Amino acid sequence: THGLVPGDLDGLDQPALALSSPQLGGTTGDGLLTMGEILGL
């Protein structure tokens, strides 16, 4: 999927991977797997 860097999207201040929009499946989150969240895996 897309690898994003800070500034690619509104409010994005760290690198992230773009995943499916949470609005499509009623899931939580913002659809972005950020660097901080990856560190928690």
All heavy atoms as atom14 arrays in JSON, in Angstrom:
{
  "sequence": "THGLVPGDLDGLDQPALALSSPQLGGTTGDGLLTMGEILGL",
  "atom14_mask": [
    [1, 1, 1, 1, 1, 1, 1, 0, 0, 0, 0, 0, 0, 0],
    [1, 1, 1, 1, 1, 1, 1, 1, 1, 1, 0, 0, 0, 0],
    [1, 1, 1, 1, 0, 0, 0, 0, 0, 0, 0, 0, 0, 0],
    [1, 1, 1, 1, 1, 1, 1, 1, 0, 0, 0, 0, 0, 0],
    [1, 1, 1, 1, 1, 1, 1, 0, 0, 0, 0, 0, 0, 0],
    [1, 1, 1, 1, 1, 1, 1, 0, 0, 0, 0, 0, 0, 0],
    [1, 1, 1, 1, 0, 0, 0, 0, 0, 0, 0, 0, 0, 0],
    [1, 1, 1, 1, 1, 1, 1, 1, 0, 0, 0, 0, 0, 0],
    [1, 1, 1, 1, 1, 1, 1, 1, 0, 0, 0, 0, 0, 0],
    [1, 1, 1, 1, 1, 1, 1, 1, 0, 0, 0, 0, 0, 0],
    [1, 1, 1, 1, 0, 0, 0, 0, 0, 0, 0, 0, 0, 0],
    [1, 1, 1, 1, 1, 1, 1, 1, 0, 0, 0, 0, 0, 0],
    [1, 1, 1, 1, 1, 1, 1, 1, 0, 0, 0, 0, 0, 0],
    [1, 1, 1, 1, 1, 1, 1, 1, 1, 0, 0, 0, 0, 0],
    [1, 1, 1, 1, 1, 1, 1, 0, 0, 0, 0, 0, 0, 0],
    [1, 1, 1, 1, 1, 0, 0, 0, 0, 0, 0, 0, 0, 0],
    [1, 1, 1, 1, 1, 1, 1, 1, 0, 0, 0, 0, 0, 0],
    [1, 1, 1, 1, 1, 0, 0, 0, 0, 0, 0, 0, 0, 0],
    [1, 1, 1, 1, 1, 1, 1, 1, 0, 0, 0, 0, 0, 0],
    [1, 1, 1, 1, 1, 1, 0, 0, 0, 0, 0, 0, 0, 0],
    [1, 1, 1, 1, 1, 1, 0, 0, 0, 0, 0, 0, 0, 0],
    [1, 1, 1, 1, 1, 1, 1, 0, 0, 0, 0, 0, 0, 0],
    [1, 1, 1, 1, 1, 1, 1, 1, 1, 0, 0, 0, 0, 0],
    [1, 1, 1, 1, 1, 1, 1, 1, 0, 0, 0, 0, 0, 0],
    [1, 1, 1, 1, 0, 0, 0, 0, 0, 0, 0, 0, 0, 0],
    [1, 1, 1, 1, 0, 0, 0, 0, 0, 0, 0, 0, 0, 0],
    [1, 1, 1, 1, 1, 1, 1, 0, 0, 0, 0, 0, 0, 0],
    [1, 1, 1, 1, 1, 1, 1, 0, 0, 0, 0, 0, 0, 0],
    [1, 1, 1, 1, 0, 0, 0, 0, 0, 0, 0, 0, 0, 0],
    [1, 1, 1, 1, 1, 1, 1, 1, 0, 0, 0, 0, 0, 0],
    [1, 1, 1, 1, 0, 0, 0, 0, 0, 0, 0, 0, 0, 0],
    [1, 1, 1, 1, 1, 1, 1, 1, 0, 0, 0, 0, 0, 0],
    [1, 1, 1, 1, 1, 1, 1, 1, 0, 0, 0, 0, 0, 0],
    [1, 1, 1, 1, 1, 1, 1, 0, 0, 0, 0, 0, 0, 0],
    [1, 1, 1, 1, 1, 1, 1, 1, 0, 0, 0, 0, 0, 0],
    [1, 1, 1, 1, 0, 0, 0, 0, 0, 0, 0, 0, 0, 0],
    [1, 1, 1, 1, 1, 1, 1, 1, 1, 0, 0, 0, 0, 0],
    [1, 1, 1, 1, 1, 1, 1, 1, 0, 0, 0, 0, 0, 0],
    [1, 1, 1, 1, 1, 1, 1, 1, 0, 0, 0, 0, 0, 0],
    [1, 1, 1, 1, 0, 0, 0, 0, 0, 0, 0, 0, 0, 0],
    [1, 1, 1, 1, 1, 1, 1, 1, 0, 0, 0, 0, 0, 0]
  ],
  "atom14_positions": [
    [[0.84, -1.18, 0.0], [0.0, 0.0, 0.0], [0.88, 1.23, 0.0], [2.1, 1.14, -0.08], [-0.94, -0.01, 1.22], [-1.8, 1.14, 1.15], [-0.15, 0.03, 2.52], [0.0, 0.0, 0.0], [0.0, 0.0, 0.0], [0.0, 0.0, 0.0], [0.0, 0.0, 0.0], [0.0, 0.0, 0.0], [0.0, 0.0, 0.0], [0.0, 0.0, 0.0]],
    [[0.26, 2.41, 0.11], [1.03, 3.65, 0.1], [1.83, 3.82, 1.39], [1.3, 3.63, 2.49], [0.09, 4.86, -0.03], [-0.6, 4.95, -1.35], [0.07, 5.12, -2.53], [-1.93, 4.9, -1.67], [-0.8, 5.19, -3.53], [-2.01, 5.04, -3.04], [0.0, 0.0, 0.0], [0.0, 0.0, 0.0], [0.0, 0.0, 0.0], [0.0, 0.0, 0.0]],
    [[3.08, 4.21, 1.24], [3.88, 4.66, 2.36], [3.84, 6.18, 2.37], [4.13, 6.82, 1.36], [0.0, 0.0, 0.0], [0.0, 0.0, 0.0], [0.0, 0.0, 0.0], [0.0, 0.0, 0.0], [0.0, 0.0, 0.0], [0.0, 0.0, 0.0], [0.0, 0.0, 0.0], [0.0, 0.0, 0.0], [0.0, 0.0, 0.0], [0.0, 0.0, 0.0]],
    [[3.45, 6.77, 3.49], [3.28, 8.21, 3.58], [4.34, 8.82, 4.48], [4.85, 8.16, 5.4], [1.89, 8.56, 4.12], [0.7, 7.95, 3.36], [-0.6, 8.26, 4.11], [0.64, 8.48, 1.94], [0.0, 0.0, 0.0], [0.0, 0.0, 0.0], [0.0, 0.0, 0.0], [0.0, 0.0, 0.0], [0.0, 0.0, 0.0], [0.0, 0.0, 0.0]],
    [[4.67, 10.07, 4.22], [5.61, 10.8, 5.06], [4.88, 12.0, 5.63], [3.82, 12.39, 5.14], [6.86, 11.24, 4.26], [7.67, 10.03, 3.83], [6.49, 12.08, 3.06], [0.0, 0.0, 0.0], [0.0, 0.0, 0.0], [0.0, 0.0, 0.0], [0.0, 0.0, 0.0], [0.0, 0.0, 0.0], [0.0, 0.0, 0.0], [0.0, 0.0, 0.0]],
    [[5.41, 12.6, 6.7], [4.75, 13.75, 7.31], [4.4, 14.83, 6.29], [5.22, 15.2, 5.44], [5.78, 14.25, 8.31], [6.53, 13.02, 8.71], [6.62, 12.22, 7.44], [0.0, 0.0, 0.0], [0.0, 0.0, 0.0], [0.0, 0.0, 0.0], [0.0, 0.0, 0.0], [0.0, 0.0, 0.0], [0.0, 0.0, 0.0], [0.0, 0.0, 0.0]],
    [[3.16, 15.3, 6.36], [2.71, 16.34, 5.45], [1.94, 15.83, 4.26], [1.28, 16.61, 3.57], [0.0, 0.0, 0.0], [0.0, 0.0, 0.0], [0.0, 0.0, 0.0], [0.0, 0.0, 0.0], [0.0, 0.0, 0.0], [0.0, 0.0, 0.0], [0.0, 0.0, 0.0], [0.0, 0.0, 0.0], [0.0, 0.0, 0.0], [0.0, 0.0, 0.0]],
    [[1.96, 14.52, 3.99], [1.21, 13.98, 2.86], [-0.29, 14.14, 3.06], [-1.04, 14.36, 2.11], [1.54, 12.51, 2.64], [2.81, 12.3, 1.82], [3.27, 13.28, 1.19], [3.32, 11.17, 1.79], [0.0, 0.0, 0.0], [0.0, 0.0, 0.0], [0.0, 0.0, 0.0], [0.0, 0.0, 0.0], [0.0, 0.0, 0.0], [0.0, 0.0, 0.0]],
    [[-0.75, 13.99, 4.32], [-2.17, 14.16, 4.64], [-2.3, 15.17, 5.78], [-1.35, 15.41, 6.53], [-2.8, 12.82, 5.06], [-2.79, 11.68, 4.05], [-3.48, 10.46, 4.65], [-3.45, 12.09, 2.75], [0.0, 0.0, 0.0], [0.0, 0.0, 0.0], [0.0, 0.0, 0.0], [0.0, 0.0, 0.0], [0.0, 0.0, 0.0], [0.0, 0.0, 0.0]],
    [[-3.48, 15.72, 5.92], [-3.74, 16.69, 6.99], [-3.43, 16.08, 8.35], [-3.93, 14.99, 8.69], [-5.21, 17.13, 6.97], [-5.55, 17.91, 5.7], [-4.63, 18.33, 5.01], [-6.76, 18.06, 5.42], [0.0, 0.0, 0.0], [0.0, 0.0, 0.0], [0.0, 0.0, 0.0], [0.0, 0.0, 0.0], [0.0, 0.0, 0.0], [0.0, 0.0, 0.0]],
    [[-2.63, 16.76, 9.13], [-2.34, 16.33, 10.5], [-1.36, 15.2, 10.62], [-1.05, 14.76, 11.74], [0.0, 0.0, 0.0], [0.0, 0.0, 0.0], [0.0, 0.0, 0.0], [0.0, 0.0, 0.0], [0.0, 0.0, 0.0], [0.0, 0.0, 0.0], [0.0, 0.0, 0.0], [0.0, 0.0, 0.0], [0.0, 0.0, 0.0], [0.0, 0.0, 0.0]],
    [[-0.84, 14.69, 9.51], [0.1, 13.58, 9.57], [1.49, 14.12, 9.93], [2.1, 14.84, 9.14], [0.15, 12.83, 8.24], [1.04, 11.58, 8.19], [0.53, 10.52, 9.17], [1.08, 11.0, 6.78], [0.0, 0.0, 0.0], [0.0, 0.0, 0.0], [0.0, 0.0, 0.0], [0.0, 0.0, 0.0], [0.0, 0.0, 0.0], [0.0, 0.0, 0.0]],
    [[1.97, 13.74, 11.11], [3.26, 14.27, 11.57], [4.31, 13.18, 11.74], [5.36, 13.42, 12.32], [3.08, 15.03, 12.89], [2.48, 14.16, 14.0], [2.24, 12.95, 13.74], [2.23, 14.68, 15.1], [0.0, 0.0, 0.0], [0.0, 0.0, 0.0], [0.0, 0.0, 0.0], [0.0, 0.0, 0.0], [0.0, 0.0, 0.0], [0.0, 0.0, 0.0]],
    [[4.03, 11.99, 11.23], [5.0, 10.9, 11.28], [4.74, 9.95, 10.12], [3.65, 9.94, 9.56], [4.93, 10.15, 12.61], [3.56, 9.6, 12.96], [3.54, 8.94, 14.33], [4.29, 8.01, 14.59], [2.67, 9.45, 15.22], [0.0, 0.0, 0.0], [0.0, 0.0, 0.0], [0.0, 0.0, 0.0], [0.0, 0.0, 0.0], [0.0, 0.0, 0.0]],
    [[5.75, 9.16, 9.71], [5.54, 8.21, 8.61], [4.4, 7.25, 8.92], [4.14, 6.92, 10.09], [6.88, 7.49, 8.51], [7.87, 8.41, 9.13], [7.14, 9.11, 10.22], [0.0, 0.0, 0.0], [0.0, 0.0, 0.0], [0.0, 0.0, 0.0], [0.0, 0.0, 0.0], [0.0, 0.0, 0.0], [0.0, 0.0, 0.0], [0.0, 0.0, 0.0]],
    [[3.74, 6.76, 7.88], [2.59, 5.87, 8.09], [2.33, 5.03, 6.84], [2.75, 5.38, 5.74], [1.34, 6.68, 8.43], [0.0, 0.0, 0.0], [0.0, 0.0, 0.0], [0.0, 0.0, 0.0], [0.0, 0.0, 0.0], [0.0, 0.0, 0.0], [0.0, 0.0, 0.0], [0.0, 0.0, 0.0], [0.0, 0.0, 0.0], [0.0, 0.0, 0.0]],
    [[1.63, 3.93, 7.04], [1.1, 3.11, 5.95], [-0.39, 3.36, 5.87], [-1.09, 3.37, 6.89], [1.38, 1.63, 6.21], [2.84, 1.18, 6.16], [2.96, -0.28, 6.62], [3.41, 1.33, 4.76], [0.0, 0.0, 0.0], [0.0, 0.0, 0.0], [0.0, 0.0, 0.0], [0.0, 0.0, 0.0], [0.0, 0.0, 0.0], [0.0, 0.0, 0.0]],
    [[-0.89, 3.54, 4.66], [-2.32, 3.82, 4.45], [-3.09, 2.52, 4.32], [-2.76, 1.67, 3.49], [-2.51, 4.68, 3.21], [0.0, 0.0, 0.0], [0.0, 0.0, 0.0], [0.0, 0.0, 0.0], [0.0, 0.0, 0.0], [0.0, 0.0, 0.0], [0.0, 0.0, 0.0], [0.0, 0.0, 0.0], [0.0, 0.0, 0.0], [0.0, 0.0, 0.0]],
    [[-4.15, 2.37, 5.12], [-5.0, 1.19, 5.07], [-6.44, 1.62, 4.78], [-6.72, 2.8, 4.63], [-4.89, 0.42, 6.39], [-3.49, -0.16, 6.65], [-3.35, -0.64, 8.08], [-3.2, -1.29, 5.67], [0.0, 0.0, 0.0], [0.0, 0.0, 0.0], [0.0, 0.0, 0.0], [0.0, 0.0, 0.0], [0.0, 0.0, 0.0], [0.0, 0.0, 0.0]],
    [[-7.35, 0.66, 4.69], [-8.72, 0.97, 4.29], [-9.39, 1.97, 5.23], [-9.15, 1.96, 6.44], [-9.55, -0.31, 4.22], [-9.28, -1.02, 3.04], [0.0, 0.0, 0.0], [0.0, 0.0, 0.0], [0.0, 0.0, 0.0], [0.0, 0.0, 0.0], [0.0, 0.0, 0.0], [0.0, 0.0, 0.0], [0.0, 0.0, 0.0], [0.0, 0.0, 0.0]],
    [[-10.25, 2.79, 4.65], [-10.96, 3.78, 5.44], [-11.84, 3.1, 6.48], [-12.6, 2.18, 6.16], [-11.84, 4.63, 4.52], [-12.7, 5.46, 5.27], [0.0, 0.0, 0.0], [0.0, 0.0, 0.0], [0.0, 0.0, 0.0], [0.0, 0.0, 0.0], [0.0, 0.0, 0.0], [0.0, 0.0, 0.0], [0.0, 0.0, 0.0], [0.0, 0.0, 0.0]],
    [[-11.75, 3.54, 7.73], [-12.59, 2.92, 8.78], [-14.08, 3.14, 8.55], [-14.91, 2.4, 9.09], [-12.11, 3.62, 10.06], [-11.46, 4.88, 9.6], [-10.88, 4.58, 8.27], [0.0, 0.0, 0.0], [0.0, 0.0, 0.0], [0.0, 0.0, 0.0], [0.0, 0.0, 0.0], [0.0, 0.0, 0.0], [0.0, 0.0, 0.0], [0.0, 0.0, 0.0]],
    [[-14.45, 4.11, 7.73], [-15.86, 4.38, 7.46], [-16.52, 3.27, 6.63], [-17.73, 3.12, 6.65], [-16.0, 5.71, 6.72], [-15.49, 6.9, 7.51], [-15.52, 8.19, 6.72], [-15.84, 8.18, 5.53], [-15.2, 9.3, 7.36], [0.0, 0.0, 0.0], [0.0, 0.0, 0.0], [0.0, 0.0, 0.0], [0.0, 0.0, 0.0], [0.0, 0.0, 0.0]],
    [[-15.72, 2.49, 5.93], [-16.27, 1.45, 5.06], [-16.71, 0.22, 5.82], [-17.65, -0.47, 5.42], [-15.24, 1.05, 3.99], [-14.79, 2.18, 3.06], [-13.73, 1.67, 2.1], [-15.98, 2.74, 2.29], [0.0, 0.0, 0.0], [0.0, 0.0, 0.0], [0.0, 0.0, 0.0], [0.0, 0.0, 0.0], [0.0, 0.0, 0.0], [0.0, 0.0, 0.0]],
    [[-16.02, -0.09, 6.9], [-16.35, -1.31, 7.64], [-16.76, -1.06, 9.07], [-16.88, -2.01, 9.85], [0.0, 0.0, 0.0], [0.0, 0.0, 0.0], [0.0, 0.0, 0.0], [0.0, 0.0, 0.0], [0.0, 0.0, 0.0], [0.0, 0.0, 0.0], [0.0, 0.0, 0.0], [0.0, 0.0, 0.0], [0.0, 0.0, 0.0], [0.0, 0.0, 0.0]],
    [[-16.95, 0.19, 9.44], [-17.34, 0.51, 10.8], [-16.27, 0.21, 11.81], [-16.57, -0.09, 12.98], [0.0, 0.0, 0.0], [0.0, 0.0, 0.0], [0.0, 0.0, 0.0], [0.0, 0.0, 0.0], [0.0, 0.0, 0.0], [0.0, 0.0, 0.0], [0.0, 0.0, 0.0], [0.0, 0.0, 0.0], [0.0, 0.0, 0.0], [0.0, 0.0, 0.0]],
    [[-15.0, 0.27, 11.38], [-13.91, 0.0, 12.3], [-13.44, 1.29, 12.95], [-13.85, 2.39, 12.59], [-12.73, -0.67, 11.56], [-12.29, 0.21, 10.5], [-13.16, -1.99, 10.95], [0.0, 0.0, 0.0], [0.0, 0.0, 0.0], [0.0, 0.0, 0.0], [0.0, 0.0, 0.0], [0.0, 0.0, 0.0], [0.0, 0.0, 0.0], [0.0, 0.0, 0.0]],
    [[-12.55, 1.15, 13.92], [-12.04, 2.31, 14.63], [-10.75, 2.8, 13.99], [-10.26, 2.21, 13.03], [-11.78, 1.95, 16.11], [-10.81, 0.88, 16.17], [-13.06, 1.49, 16.79], [0.0, 0.0, 0.0], [0.0, 0.0, 0.0], [0.0, 0.0, 0.0], [0.0, 0.0, 0.0], [0.0, 0.0, 0.0], [0.0, 0.0, 0.0], [0.0, 0.0, 0.0]],
    [[-10.19, 3.86, 14.54], [-8.93, 4.37, 14.04], [-9.12, 5.35, 12.9], [-10.25, 5.73, 12.54], [0.0, 0.0, 0.0], [0.0, 0.0, 0.0], [0.0, 0.0, 0.0], [0.0, 0.0, 0.0], [0.0, 0.0, 0.0], [0.0, 0.0, 0.0], [0.0, 0.0, 0.0], [0.0, 0.0, 0.0], [0.0, 0.0, 0.0], [0.0, 0.0, 0.0]],
    [[-8.01, 5.74, 12.3], [-8.04, 6.72, 11.22], [-7.61, 6.15, 9.88], [-7.48, 6.87, 8.89], [-7.16, 7.92, 11.57], [-5.72, 7.51, 11.9], [-5.38, 6.32, 11.72], [-4.95, 8.38, 12.35], [0.0, 0.0, 0.0], [0.0, 0.0, 0.0], [0.0, 0.0, 0.0], [0.0, 0.0, 0.0], [0.0, 0.0, 0.0], [0.0, 0.0, 0.0]],
    [[-7.37, 4.84, 9.82], [-6.96, 4.2, 8.57], [-5.48, 4.32, 8.29], [-5.02, 3.93, 7.22], [0.0, 0.0, 0.0], [0.0, 0.0, 0.0], [0.0, 0.0, 0.0], [0.0, 0.0, 0.0], [0.0, 0.0, 0.0], [0.0, 0.0, 0.0], [0.0, 0.0, 0.0], [0.0, 0.0, 0.0], [0.0, 0.0, 0.0], [0.0, 0.0, 0.0]],
    [[-4.72, 4.83, 9.25], [-3.28, 5.0, 9.08], [-2.54, 4.22, 10.15], [-2.83, 4.34, 11.35], [-2.9, 6.48, 9.19], [-3.52, 7.42, 8.15], [-3.18, 8.87, 8.5], [-3.04, 7.08, 6.75], [0.0, 0.0, 0.0], [0.0, 0.0, 0.0], [0.0, 0.0, 0.0], [0.0, 0.0, 0.0], [0.0, 0.0, 0.0], [0.0, 0.0, 0.0]],
    [[-1.61, 3.37, 9.72], [-0.74, 2.66, 10.65], [0.54, 3.49, 10.77], [1.42, 3.43, 9.92], [-0.43, 1.25, 10.14], [0.32, 0.33, 11.11], [-0.56, 0.0, 12.32], [0.75, -0.96, 10.41], [0.0, 0.0, 0.0], [0.0, 0.0, 0.0], [0.0, 0.0, 0.0], [0.0, 0.0, 0.0], [0.0, 0.0, 0.0], [0.0, 0.0, 0.0]],
    [[0.61, 4.29, 11.8], [1.71, 5.24, 11.95], [2.95, 4.58, 12.53], [2.9, 3.46, 13.05], [1.29, 6.41, 12.86], [1.04, 5.89, 14.18], [0.05, 7.1, 12.32], [0.0, 0.0, 0.0], [0.0, 0.0, 0.0], [0.0, 0.0, 0.0], [0.0, 0.0, 0.0], [0.0, 0.0, 0.0], [0.0, 0.0, 0.0], [0.0, 0.0, 0.0]],
    [[4.05, 5.32, 12.47], [5.3, 4.82, 13.02], [5.15, 4.48, 14.5], [5.64, 3.45, 14.97], [6.4, 5.86, 12.84], [7.76, 5.44, 13.34], [9.07, 6.65, 13.01], [8.6, 7.95, 14.16], [0.0, 0.0, 0.0], [0.0, 0.0, 0.0], [0.0, 0.0, 0.0], [0.0, 0.0, 0.0], [0.0, 0.0, 0.0], [0.0, 0.0, 0.0]],
    [[4.44, 5.33, 15.25], [4.24, 5.06, 16.67], [3.45, 3.78, 16.91], [3.75, 3.04, 17.85], [0.0, 0.0, 0.0], [0.0, 0.0, 0.0], [0.0, 0.0, 0.0], [0.0, 0.0, 0.0], [0.0, 0.0, 0.0], [0.0, 0.0, 0.0], [0.0, 0.0, 0.0], [0.0, 0.0, 0.0], [0.0, 0.0, 0.0], [0.0, 0.0, 0.0]],
    [[2.47, 3.52, 16.07], [1.67, 2.3, 16.22], [2.46, 1.06, 15.81], [2.29, -0.01, 16.39], [0.39, 2.43, 15.4], [-0.57, 3.47, 15.98], [-1.69, 3.84, 15.04], [-1.49, 3.79, 13.81], [-2.79, 4.18, 15.53], [0.0, 0.0, 0.0], [0.0, 0.0, 0.0], [0.0, 0.0, 0.0], [0.0, 0.0, 0.0], [0.0, 0.0, 0.0]],
    [[3.32, 1.2, 14.8], [4.17, 0.08, 14.4], [5.12, -0.3, 15.53], [5.4, -1.48, 15.78], [4.95, 0.43, 13.12], [3.99, 0.59, 11.94], [5.99, -0.65, 12.79], [4.62, 1.19, 10.7], [0.0, 0.0, 0.0], [0.0, 0.0, 0.0], [0.0, 0.0, 0.0], [0.0, 0.0, 0.0], [0.0, 0.0, 0.0], [0.0, 0.0, 0.0]],
    [[5.62, 0.71, 16.23], [6.52, 0.45, 17.36], [5.84, -0.39, 18.44], [6.5, -1.09, 19.2], [7.0, 1.77, 17.96], [8.01, 2.57, 17.13], [8.18, 3.97, 17.69], [9.35, 1.85, 17.08], [0.0, 0.0, 0.0], [0.0, 0.0, 0.0], [0.0, 0.0, 0.0], [0.0, 0.0, 0.0], [0.0, 0.0, 0.0], [0.0, 0.0, 0.0]],
    [[4.52, -0.32, 18.49], [3.78, -1.08, 19.5], [3.44, -2.5, 19.08], [2.92, -3.27, 19.89], [0.0, 0.0, 0.0], [0.0, 0.0, 0.0], [0.0, 0.0, 0.0], [0.0, 0.0, 0.0], [0.0, 0.0, 0.0], [0.0, 0.0, 0.0], [0.0, 0.0, 0.0], [0.0, 0.0, 0.0], [0.0, 0.0, 0.0], [0.0, 0.0, 0.0]],
    [[3.75, -2.88, 17.83], [3.49, -4.24, 17.38], [4.53, -5.2, 17.95], [5.65, -4.81, 18.27], [3.53, -4.31, 15.85], [2.53, -3.44, 15.08], [2.77, -3.58, 13.57], [1.09, -3.83, 15.42], [0.0, 0.0, 0.0], [0.0, 0.0, 0.0], [0.0, 0.0, 0.0], [0.0, 0.0, 0.0], [0.0, 0.0, 0.0], [0.0, 0.0, 0.0]]
  ]
}
